[in-house]
PDB file of all heavy atoms in Angstrom:
ATOM      1  N   PHE A   1     -23.741  -3.274  12.093  1.00  0.00           N
ATOM      2  CA  PHE A   1     -22.797  -2.746  13.136  1.00  0.00           C
ATOM      3  C   PHE A   1     -22.698  -1.203  12.793  1.00  0.00           C
ATOM      4  O   PHE A   1     -22.867  -0.670  11.676  1.00  0.00           O
ATOM      5  CB  PHE A   1     -21.364  -3.353  12.755  1.00  0.00           C
ATOM      6  CG  PHE A   1     -21.201  -4.795  13.296  1.00  0.00           C
ATOM      7  CD1 PHE A   1     -22.280  -5.565  13.427  1.00  0.00           C
ATOM      8  CD2 PHE A   1     -19.950  -5.346  13.569  1.00  0.00           C
ATOM      9  CE1 PHE A   1     -22.174  -6.873  13.778  1.00  0.00           C
ATOM     10  CE2 PHE A   1     -19.811  -6.546  13.915  1.00  0.00           C
ATOM     11  CZ  PHE A   1     -20.836  -7.431  14.065  1.00  0.00           C
ATOM     12  N   ALA A   2     -22.494  -0.592  13.935  1.00  0.00           N
ATOM     13  CA  ALA A   2     -22.316   0.882  13.868  1.00  0.00           C
ATOM     14  C   ALA A   2     -21.277   1.408  14.889  1.00  0.00           C
ATOM     15  O   ALA A   2     -21.221   0.957  15.941  1.00  0.00           O
ATOM     16  CB  ALA A   2     -23.547   1.573  14.249  1.00  0.00           C
ATOM     17  N   ILE A   3     -20.336   2.208  14.298  1.00  0.00           N
ATOM     18  CA  ILE A   3     -19.182   2.749  15.020  1.00  0.00           C
ATOM     19  C   ILE A   3     -19.495   4.144  15.321  1.00  0.00           C
ATOM     20  O   ILE A   3     -19.931   4.956  14.621  1.00  0.00           O
ATOM     21  CB  ILE A   3     -17.900   2.725  14.197  1.00  0.00           C
ATOM     22  CG1 ILE A   3     -17.539   1.313  13.759  1.00  0.00           C
ATOM     23  CG2 ILE A   3     -16.842   3.383  15.003  1.00  0.00           C
ATOM     24  CD1 ILE A   3     -16.486   1.181  12.809  1.00  0.00           C
ATOM     25  N   SER A   4     -19.222   4.505  16.638  1.00  0.00           N
ATOM     26  CA  SER A   4     -19.309   5.878  17.069  1.00  0.00           C
ATOM     27  C   SER A   4     -18.226   6.181  18.060  1.00  0.00           C
ATOM     28  O   SER A   4     -17.474   5.341  18.469  1.00  0.00           O
ATOM     29  CB  SER A   4     -20.813   6.163  17.763  1.00  0.00           C
ATOM     30  OG  SER A   4     -20.836   5.286  18.791  1.00  0.00           O
ATOM     31  N   ARG A   5     -18.085   7.505  18.398  1.00  0.00           N
ATOM     32  CA  ARG A   5     -17.131   7.873  19.465  1.00  0.00           C
ATOM     33  C   ARG A   5     -17.592   9.031  20.230  1.00  0.00           C
ATOM     34  O   ARG A   5     -18.468   9.814  19.791  1.00  0.00           O
ATOM     35  CB  ARG A   5     -15.791   8.156  18.763  1.00  0.00           C
ATOM     36  CG  ARG A   5     -15.901   9.436  17.756  1.00  0.00           C
ATOM     37  CD  ARG A   5     -14.605   9.561  16.917  1.00  0.00           C
ATOM     38  NE  ARG A   5     -13.363   9.593  17.760  1.00  0.00           N
ATOM     39  CZ  ARG A   5     -12.092   9.384  17.234  1.00  0.00           C
ATOM     40  NH1 ARG A   5     -12.069   8.991  15.926  1.00  0.00           N
ATOM     41  NH2 ARG A   5     -11.102   9.531  18.049  1.00  0.00           N
ATOM     42  N   ASP A   6     -17.022   9.169  21.359  1.00  0.00           N
ATOM     43  CA  ASP A   6     -17.311  10.212  22.297  1.00  0.00           C
ATOM     44  C   ASP A   6     -15.889  10.770  22.669  1.00  0.00           C
ATOM     45  O   ASP A   6     -15.255  10.295  23.621  1.00  0.00           O
ATOM     46  CB  ASP A   6     -18.044   9.931  23.536  1.00  0.00           C
ATOM     47  CG  ASP A   6     -18.496  11.129  24.369  1.00  0.00           C
ATOM     48  OD1 ASP A   6     -17.827  12.137  24.283  1.00  0.00           O
ATOM     49  OD2 ASP A   6     -19.428  10.957  25.168  1.00  0.00           O
ATOM     50  N   ASN A   7     -15.513  11.818  21.992  1.00  0.00           N
ATOM     51  CA  ASN A   7     -14.119  12.301  22.238  1.00  0.00           C
ATOM     52  C   ASN A   7     -13.915  12.915  23.628  1.00  0.00           C
ATOM     53  O   ASN A   7     -12.885  12.955  23.995  1.00  0.00           O
ATOM     54  CB  ASN A   7     -13.676  13.502  21.143  1.00  0.00           C
ATOM     55  CG  ASN A   7     -13.541  12.683  19.800  1.00  0.00           C
ATOM     56  OD1 ASN A   7     -13.094  11.510  19.740  1.00  0.00           O
ATOM     57  ND2 ASN A   7     -13.560  13.532  18.712  1.00  0.00           N
ATOM     58  N   ALA A   8     -15.060  13.477  24.139  1.00  0.00           N
ATOM     59  CA  ALA A   8     -14.936  14.092  25.455  1.00  0.00           C
ATOM     60  C   ALA A   8     -14.589  13.001  26.634  1.00  0.00           C
ATOM     61  O   ALA A   8     -14.093  13.302  27.528  1.00  0.00           O
ATOM     62  CB  ALA A   8     -16.199  14.627  25.882  1.00  0.00           C
ATOM     63  N   LYS A   9     -15.030  11.719  26.126  1.00  0.00           N
ATOM     64  CA  LYS A   9     -14.777  10.656  27.019  1.00  0.00           C
ATOM     65  C   LYS A   9     -13.594   9.649  26.599  1.00  0.00           C
ATOM     66  O   LYS A   9     -13.281   8.721  27.342  1.00  0.00           O
ATOM     67  CB  LYS A   9     -15.960   9.818  27.328  1.00  0.00           C
ATOM     68  CG  LYS A   9     -17.189  10.460  27.884  1.00  0.00           C
ATOM     69  CD  LYS A   9     -18.375   9.667  28.099  1.00  0.00           C
ATOM     70  CE  LYS A   9     -19.506  10.308  28.662  1.00  0.00           C
ATOM     71  NZ  LYS A   9     -20.775   9.445  28.834  1.00  0.00           N
ATOM     72  N   ASN A  10     -12.951  10.048  25.559  1.00  0.00           N
ATOM     73  CA  ASN A  10     -11.901   9.279  24.985  1.00  0.00           C
ATOM     74  C   ASN A  10     -12.285   7.866  24.805  1.00  0.00           C
ATOM     75  O   ASN A  10     -11.550   6.874  25.108  1.00  0.00           O
ATOM     76  CB  ASN A  10     -10.698   9.302  25.756  1.00  0.00           C
ATOM     77  CG  ASN A  10      -9.926  10.632  25.785  1.00  0.00           C
ATOM     78  OD1 ASN A  10     -10.166  11.544  24.975  1.00  0.00           O
ATOM     79  ND2 ASN A  10      -8.888  10.819  26.707  1.00  0.00           N
ATOM     80  N   THR A  11     -13.457   7.624  24.255  1.00  0.00           N
ATOM     81  CA  THR A  11     -13.991   6.338  24.116  1.00  0.00           C
ATOM     82  C   THR A  11     -14.550   6.132  22.691  1.00  0.00           C
ATOM     83  O   THR A  11     -15.401   6.883  22.119  1.00  0.00           O
ATOM     84  CB  THR A  11     -15.096   6.115  25.201  1.00  0.00           C
ATOM     85  OG1 THR A  11     -14.763   6.385  26.421  1.00  0.00           O
ATOM     86  CG2 THR A  11     -15.754   4.712  25.042  1.00  0.00           C
ATOM     87  N   LEU A  12     -14.349   4.939  22.176  1.00  0.00           N
ATOM     88  CA  LEU A  12     -14.837   4.446  20.933  1.00  0.00           C
ATOM     89  C   LEU A  12     -15.912   3.372  21.251  1.00  0.00           C
ATOM     90  O   LEU A  12     -15.549   2.624  22.158  1.00  0.00           O
ATOM     91  CB  LEU A  12     -13.723   4.006  20.132  1.00  0.00           C
ATOM     92  CG  LEU A  12     -14.003   3.298  18.728  1.00  0.00           C
ATOM     93  CD1 LEU A  12     -14.341   4.441  17.742  1.00  0.00           C
ATOM     94  CD2 LEU A  12     -12.770   2.423  18.245  1.00  0.00           C
ATOM     95  N   TYR A  13     -16.850   3.311  20.395  1.00  0.00           N
ATOM     96  CA  TYR A  13     -17.861   2.306  20.520  1.00  0.00           C
ATOM     97  C   TYR A  13     -18.185   1.580  19.416  1.00  0.00           C
ATOM     98  O   TYR A  13     -17.913   1.942  18.157  1.00  0.00           O
ATOM     99  CB  TYR A  13     -19.352   3.095  20.969  1.00  0.00           C
ATOM    100  CG  TYR A  13     -19.157   3.979  22.159  1.00  0.00           C
ATOM    101  CD1 TYR A  13     -19.041   5.323  21.917  1.00  0.00           C
ATOM    102  CD2 TYR A  13     -19.386   3.319  23.280  1.00  0.00           C
ATOM    103  CE1 TYR A  13     -18.915   6.031  23.151  1.00  0.00           C
ATOM    104  CE2 TYR A  13     -19.131   4.059  24.507  1.00  0.00           C
ATOM    105  CZ  TYR A  13     -19.052   5.480  24.414  1.00  0.00           C
ATOM    106  OH  TYR A  13     -19.053   6.297  25.402  1.00  0.00           O
ATOM    107  N   LEU A  14     -18.574   0.316  19.501  1.00  0.00           N
ATOM    108  CA  LEU A  14     -19.118  -0.518  18.460  1.00  0.00           C
ATOM    109  C   LEU A  14     -20.420  -1.235  18.924  1.00  0.00           C
ATOM    110  O   LEU A  14     -20.543  -1.998  19.768  1.00  0.00           O
ATOM    111  CB  LEU A  14     -18.045  -1.681  18.081  1.00  0.00           C
ATOM    112  CG  LEU A  14     -18.554  -2.620  17.034  1.00  0.00           C
ATOM    113  CD1 LEU A  14     -18.785  -2.059  15.681  1.00  0.00           C
ATOM    114  CD2 LEU A  14     -17.490  -3.785  16.927  1.00  0.00           C
ATOM    115  N   GLN A  15     -21.455  -0.756  18.170  1.00  0.00           N
ATOM    116  CA  GLN A  15     -22.843  -1.315  18.392  1.00  0.00           C
ATOM    117  C   GLN A  15     -23.012  -2.400  17.325  1.00  0.00           C
ATOM    118  O   GLN A  15     -22.933  -2.211  16.249  1.00  0.00           O
ATOM    119  CB  GLN A  15     -23.976  -0.112  18.167  1.00  0.00           C
ATOM    120  CG  GLN A  15     -25.269  -0.895  18.433  1.00  0.00           C
ATOM    121  CD  GLN A  15     -25.642  -1.161  19.800  1.00  0.00           C
ATOM    122  OE1 GLN A  15     -25.290  -0.416  20.725  1.00  0.00           O
ATOM    123  NE2 GLN A  15     -26.268  -2.214  19.962  1.00  0.00           N
ATOM    124  N   MET A  16     -23.498  -3.678  18.014  1.00  0.00           N
ATOM    125  CA  MET A  16     -23.557  -4.879  16.990  1.00  0.00           C
ATOM    126  C   MET A  16     -24.984  -5.306  17.275  1.00  0.00           C
ATOM    127  O   MET A  16     -25.342  -5.624  18.377  1.00  0.00           O
ATOM    128  CB  MET A  16     -22.534  -5.883  17.515  1.00  0.00           C
ATOM    129  CG  MET A  16     -21.120  -5.376  17.305  1.00  0.00           C
ATOM    130  SD  MET A  16     -19.947  -6.697  17.854  1.00  0.00           S
ATOM    131  CE  MET A  16     -20.260  -6.668  19.569  1.00  0.00           C
ATOM    132  N   ASN A  17     -25.714  -5.347  16.163  1.00  0.00           N
ATOM    133  CA  ASN A  17     -27.075  -5.782  16.216  1.00  0.00           C
ATOM    134  C   ASN A  17     -27.199  -7.099  15.341  1.00  0.00           C
ATOM    135  O   ASN A  17     -26.433  -7.388  14.458  1.00  0.00           O
ATOM    136  CB  ASN A  17     -28.127  -4.771  15.739  1.00  0.00           C
ATOM    137  CG  ASN A  17     -27.956  -3.424  16.540  1.00  0.00           C
ATOM    138  OD1 ASN A  17     -27.783  -3.580  17.761  1.00  0.00           O
ATOM    139  ND2 ASN A  17     -27.866  -2.315  15.906  1.00  0.00           N
ATOM    140  N   SER A  18     -28.336  -7.777  15.467  1.00  0.00           N
ATOM    141  CA  SER A  18     -28.715  -8.967  14.682  1.00  0.00           C
ATOM    142  C   SER A  18     -27.385  -9.874  14.495  1.00  0.00           C
ATOM    143  O   SER A  18     -27.009 -10.418  13.372  1.00  0.00           O
ATOM    144  CB  SER A  18     -29.133  -8.394  13.286  1.00  0.00           C
ATOM    145  OG  SER A  18     -30.214  -7.610  13.365  1.00  0.00           O
ATOM    146  N   LEU A  19     -26.879 -10.166  15.658  1.00  0.00           N
ATOM    147  CA  LEU A  19     -25.669 -10.897  15.649  1.00  0.00           C
ATOM    148  C   LEU A  19     -25.840 -12.377  15.139  1.00  0.00           C
ATOM    149  O   LEU A  19     -27.024 -13.073  15.408  1.00  0.00           O
ATOM    150  CB  LEU A  19     -25.043 -11.075  17.060  1.00  0.00           C
ATOM    151  CG  LEU A  19     -24.475  -9.704  17.553  1.00  0.00           C
ATOM    152  CD1 LEU A  19     -24.201  -9.644  19.027  1.00  0.00           C
ATOM    153  CD2 LEU A  19     -23.152  -9.491  16.813  1.00  0.00           C
ATOM    154  N   LYS A  20     -24.870 -12.801  14.521  1.00  0.00           N
ATOM    155  CA  LYS A  20     -24.935 -14.172  13.913  1.00  0.00           C
ATOM    156  C   LYS A  20     -23.771 -14.993  14.442  1.00  0.00           C
ATOM    157  O   LYS A  20     -22.858 -14.578  15.042  1.00  0.00           O
ATOM    158  CB  LYS A  20     -24.815 -14.106  12.475  1.00  0.00           C
ATOM    159  CG  LYS A  20     -25.706 -13.220  11.598  1.00  0.00           C
ATOM    160  CD  LYS A  20     -25.360 -13.060  10.175  1.00  0.00           C
ATOM    161  CE  LYS A  20     -26.216 -12.062   9.531  1.00  0.00           C
ATOM    162  NZ  LYS A  20     -25.867 -11.868   8.049  1.00  0.00           N
ATOM    163  N   SER A  21     -23.966 -16.355  14.384  1.00  0.00           N
ATOM    164  CA  SER A  21     -22.810 -17.174  14.842  1.00  0.00           C
ATOM    165  C   SER A  21     -21.583 -16.889  14.339  1.00  0.00           C
ATOM    166  O   SER A  21     -20.499 -16.969  15.011  1.00  0.00           O
ATOM    167  CB  SER A  21     -23.270 -18.627  14.675  1.00  0.00           C
ATOM    168  OG  SER A  21     -23.302 -19.032  13.346  1.00  0.00           O
ATOM    169  N   GLU A  22     -21.380 -16.490  13.078  1.00  0.00           N
ATOM    170  CA  GLU A  22     -20.186 -16.189  12.380  1.00  0.00           C
ATOM    171  C   GLU A  22     -19.634 -14.821  12.914  1.00  0.00           C
ATOM    172  O   GLU A  22     -18.547 -14.516  12.595  1.00  0.00           O
ATOM    173  CB  GLU A  22     -20.356 -16.161  10.807  1.00  0.00           C
ATOM    174  CG  GLU A  22     -21.479 -15.178  10.386  1.00  0.00           C
ATOM    175  CD  GLU A  22     -22.787 -15.946  10.069  1.00  0.00           C
ATOM    176  OE1 GLU A  22     -23.184 -16.856  10.815  1.00  0.00           O
ATOM    177  OE2 GLU A  22     -23.319 -15.575   9.034  1.00  0.00           O
ATOM    178  N   ASP A  23     -20.438 -14.127  13.716  1.00  0.00           N
ATOM    179  CA  ASP A  23     -19.828 -12.897  14.464  1.00  0.00           C
ATOM    180  C   ASP A  23     -18.978 -13.242  15.644  1.00  0.00           C
ATOM    181  O   ASP A  23     -18.372 -12.421  16.253  1.00  0.00           O
ATOM    182  CB  ASP A  23     -20.953 -11.908  14.801  1.00  0.00           C
ATOM    183  CG  ASP A  23     -21.630 -11.336  13.623  1.00  0.00           C
ATOM    184  OD1 ASP A  23     -20.996 -11.092  12.550  1.00  0.00           O
ATOM    185  OD2 ASP A  23     -22.898 -11.191  13.638  1.00  0.00           O
ATOM    186  N   THR A  24     -19.007 -14.462  15.994  1.00  0.00           N
ATOM    187  CA  THR A  24     -18.172 -14.965  17.020  1.00  0.00           C
ATOM    188  C   THR A  24     -16.741 -14.725  16.761  1.00  0.00           C
ATOM    189  O   THR A  24     -16.143 -15.297  15.778  1.00  0.00           O
ATOM    190  CB  THR A  24     -18.427 -16.474  17.390  1.00  0.00           C
ATOM    191  OG1 THR A  24     -19.707 -16.632  17.815  1.00  0.00           O
ATOM    192  CG2 THR A  24     -17.355 -16.992  18.448  1.00  0.00           C
ATOM    193  N   ALA A  25     -16.065 -13.916  17.608  1.00  0.00           N
ATOM    194  CA  ALA A  25     -14.699 -13.439  17.252  1.00  0.00           C
ATOM    195  C   ALA A  25     -14.147 -12.677  18.492  1.00  0.00           C
ATOM    196  O   ALA A  25     -14.873 -12.300  19.391  1.00  0.00           O
ATOM    197  CB  ALA A  25     -14.711 -12.609  16.076  1.00  0.00           C
ATOM    198  N   LEU A  26     -12.904 -12.408  18.432  1.00  0.00           N
ATOM    199  CA  LEU A  26     -12.192 -11.542  19.305  1.00  0.00           C
ATOM    200  C   LEU A  26     -12.203 -10.142  18.593  1.00  0.00           C
ATOM    201  O   LEU A  26     -11.772 -10.210  17.433  1.00  0.00           O
ATOM    202  CB  LEU A  26     -10.823 -12.080  19.659  1.00  0.00           C
ATOM    203  CG  LEU A  26     -10.004 -11.241  20.723  1.00  0.00           C
ATOM    204  CD1 LEU A  26     -10.749 -11.371  21.993  1.00  0.00           C
ATOM    205  CD2 LEU A  26      -8.656 -11.765  20.730  1.00  0.00           C
ATOM    206  N   TYR A  27     -12.647  -9.184  19.237  1.00  0.00           N
ATOM    207  CA  TYR A  27     -12.791  -7.708  18.658  1.00  0.00           C
ATOM    208  C   TYR A  27     -11.817  -6.878  19.200  1.00  0.00           C
ATOM    209  O   TYR A  27     -11.618  -6.779  20.530  1.00  0.00           O
ATOM    210  CB  TYR A  27     -14.184  -7.274  18.878  1.00  0.00           C
ATOM    211  CG  TYR A  27     -15.238  -7.841  18.038  1.00  0.00           C
ATOM    212  CD1 TYR A  27     -15.666  -9.287  18.416  1.00  0.00           C
ATOM    213  CD2 TYR A  27     -15.715  -7.294  16.845  1.00  0.00           C
ATOM    214  CE1 TYR A  27     -16.659  -9.911  17.545  1.00  0.00           C
ATOM    215  CE2 TYR A  27     -16.650  -7.973  16.077  1.00  0.00           C
ATOM    216  CZ  TYR A  27     -17.058  -9.158  16.441  1.00  0.00           C
ATOM    217  OH  TYR A  27     -18.036  -9.852  15.627  1.00  0.00           O
ATOM    218  N   TYR A  28     -11.222  -6.158  18.309  1.00  0.00           N
ATOM    219  CA  TYR A  28     -10.222  -5.208  18.609  1.00  0.00           C
ATOM    220  C   TYR A  28     -10.459  -3.710  18.185  1.00  0.00           C
ATOM    221  O   TYR A  28     -10.940  -3.570  17.177  1.00  0.00           O
ATOM    222  CB  TYR A  28      -8.773  -5.444  18.080  1.00  0.00           C
ATOM    223  CG  TYR A  28      -8.175  -6.974  18.425  1.00  0.00           C
ATOM    224  CD1 TYR A  28      -8.502  -7.985  17.656  1.00  0.00           C
ATOM    225  CD2 TYR A  28      -7.349  -6.999  19.374  1.00  0.00           C
ATOM    226  CE1 TYR A  28      -7.946  -9.239  17.706  1.00  0.00           C
ATOM    227  CE2 TYR A  28      -6.793  -8.347  19.736  1.00  0.00           C
ATOM    228  CZ  TYR A  28      -7.166  -9.260  18.939  1.00  0.00           C
ATOM    229  OH  TYR A  28      -6.645 -10.643  19.186  1.00  0.00           O
ATOM    230  N   CYS A  29     -10.144  -2.750  19.022  1.00  0.00           N
ATOM    231  CA  CYS A  29     -10.122  -1.432  18.424  1.00  0.00           C
ATOM    232  C   CYS A  29      -8.612  -1.086  18.112  1.00  0.00           C
ATOM    233  O   CYS A  29      -7.721  -1.715  18.721  1.00  0.00           O
ATOM    234  CB  CYS A  29     -10.652  -0.422  19.463  1.00  0.00           C
ATOM    235  SG  CYS A  29      -9.791  -0.235  21.105  1.00  0.00           S
ATOM    236  N   ALA A  30      -8.446  -0.220  17.193  1.00  0.00           N
ATOM    237  CA  ALA A  30      -7.066   0.207  16.799  1.00  0.00           C
ATOM    238  C   ALA A  30      -7.070   1.581  16.334  1.00  0.00           C
ATOM    239  O   ALA A  30      -7.937   2.139  15.827  1.00  0.00           O
ATOM    240  CB  ALA A  30      -6.673  -0.813  15.473  1.00  0.00           C
ATOM    241  N   ARG A  31      -5.832   2.181  16.705  1.00  0.00           N
ATOM    242  CA  ARG A  31      -5.591   3.619  16.368  1.00  0.00           C
ATOM    243  C   ARG A  31      -5.037   3.651  14.920  1.00  0.00           C
ATOM    244  O   ARG A  31      -4.208   2.663  14.473  1.00  0.00           O
ATOM    245  CB  ARG A  31      -4.611   4.243  17.327  1.00  0.00           C
ATOM    246  CG  ARG A  31      -4.320   5.741  17.045  1.00  0.00           C
ATOM    247  CD  ARG A  31      -3.419   6.294  18.069  1.00  0.00           C
ATOM    248  NE  ARG A  31      -1.996   5.875  17.691  1.00  0.00           N
ATOM    249  CZ  ARG A  31      -0.950   6.468  18.344  1.00  0.00           C
ATOM    250  NH1 ARG A  31      -1.148   7.420  19.304  1.00  0.00           N
ATOM    251  NH2 ARG A  31       0.142   5.974  18.003  1.00  0.00           N
ATOM    252  N   ARG A  32      -5.288   4.659  14.191  1.00  0.00           N
ATOM    253  CA  ARG A  32      -4.806   4.613  12.792  1.00  0.00           C
ATOM    254  C   ARG A  32      -3.974   5.940  12.713  1.00  0.00           C
ATOM    255  O   ARG A  32      -4.222   6.983  13.095  1.00  0.00           O
ATOM    256  CB  ARG A  32      -5.920   4.768  11.763  1.00  0.00           C
ATOM    257  CG  ARG A  32      -7.003   3.576  11.948  1.00  0.00           C
ATOM    258  CD  ARG A  32      -7.905   3.494  10.728  1.00  0.00           C
ATOM    259  NE  ARG A  32      -7.146   2.735   9.579  1.00  0.00           N
ATOM    260  CZ  ARG A  32      -7.659   2.329   8.489  1.00  0.00           C
ATOM    261  NH1 ARG A  32      -9.099   2.292   8.447  1.00  0.00           N
ATOM    262  NH2 ARG A  32      -6.981   1.845   7.651  1.00  0.00           N
ATOM    263  N   ASP A  33      -2.844   5.696  12.071  1.00  0.00           N
ATOM    264  CA  ASP A  33      -1.666   6.751  11.909  1.00  0.00           C
ATOM    265  C   ASP A  33      -1.796   7.371  10.594  1.00  0.00           C
ATOM    266  O   ASP A  33      -1.438   6.961   9.484  1.00  0.00           O
ATOM    267  CB  ASP A  33      -0.316   6.152  12.064  1.00  0.00           C
ATOM    268  CG  ASP A  33       0.824   7.114  12.105  1.00  0.00           C
ATOM    269  OD1 ASP A  33       0.513   8.284  11.879  1.00  0.00           O
ATOM    270  OD2 ASP A  33       1.951   6.716  12.122  1.00  0.00           O
ATOM    271  N   ALA A  34      -2.328   8.609  10.442  1.00  0.00           N
ATOM    272  CA  ALA A  34      -2.552   9.352   9.310  1.00  0.00           C
ATOM    273  C   ALA A  34      -1.272   9.779   8.593  1.00  0.00           C
ATOM    274  O   ALA A  34      -1.296   9.975   7.454  1.00  0.00           O
ATOM    275  CB  ALA A  34      -3.339  10.725   9.682  1.00  0.00           C
ATOM    276  N   ASN A  35      -0.135   9.610   9.227  1.00  0.00           N
ATOM    277  CA  ASN A  35       1.140  10.006   8.782  1.00  0.00           C
ATOM    278  C   ASN A  35       1.922   8.751   8.252  1.00  0.00           C
ATOM    279  O   ASN A  35       2.974   8.857   7.705  1.00  0.00           O
ATOM    280  CB  ASN A  35       1.972  10.659   9.812  1.00  0.00           C
ATOM    281  CG  ASN A  35       1.515  12.014  10.261  1.00  0.00           C
ATOM    282  OD1 ASN A  35       1.045  12.667   9.403  1.00  0.00           O
ATOM    283  ND2 ASN A  35       1.536  12.265  11.537  1.00  0.00           N
ATOM    284  N   TYR A  36       1.246   7.612   8.240  1.00  0.00           N
ATOM    285  CA  TYR A  36       1.833   6.346   7.720  1.00  0.00           C
ATOM    286  C   TYR A  36       0.597   5.523   6.972  1.00  0.00           C
ATOM    287  O   TYR A  36       0.283   4.428   7.355  1.00  0.00           O
ATOM    288  CB  TYR A  36       2.490   5.607   8.862  1.00  0.00           C
ATOM    289  CG  TYR A  36       3.348   4.448   8.374  1.00  0.00           C
ATOM    290  CD1 TYR A  36       4.455   4.768   7.657  1.00  0.00           C
ATOM    291  CD2 TYR A  36       3.072   3.170   8.510  1.00  0.00           C
ATOM    292  CE1 TYR A  36       5.366   3.807   7.209  1.00  0.00           C
ATOM    293  CE2 TYR A  36       3.829   2.095   8.031  1.00  0.00           C
ATOM    294  CZ  TYR A  36       5.013   2.388   7.260  1.00  0.00           C
ATOM    295  OH  TYR A  36       5.895   1.467   6.924  1.00  0.00           O
ATOM    296  N   ASN A  37       0.108   6.183   6.087  1.00  0.00           N
ATOM    297  CA  ASN A  37      -0.980   5.475   5.174  1.00  0.00           C
ATOM    298  C   ASN A  37      -2.134   4.986   6.090  1.00  0.00           C
ATOM    299  O   ASN A  37      -2.806   4.018   5.688  1.00  0.00           O
ATOM    300  CB  ASN A  37      -0.449   4.513   4.274  1.00  0.00           C
ATOM    301  CG  ASN A  37      -1.297   4.156   3.157  1.00  0.00           C
ATOM    302  OD1 ASN A  37      -2.080   5.015   2.675  1.00  0.00           O
ATOM    303  ND2 ASN A  37      -1.163   2.872   2.724  1.00  0.00           N
TER     304      ASN A  37
END
């Protein structure tokens, strides 16, 4: 898996390769608050 972002497009990406059955899931992106750990 590889995470990247394009700040000019306000977009976050997740590239997933060699997927396995155990990768079956619901995937979420999340913002992290630097002021709250």
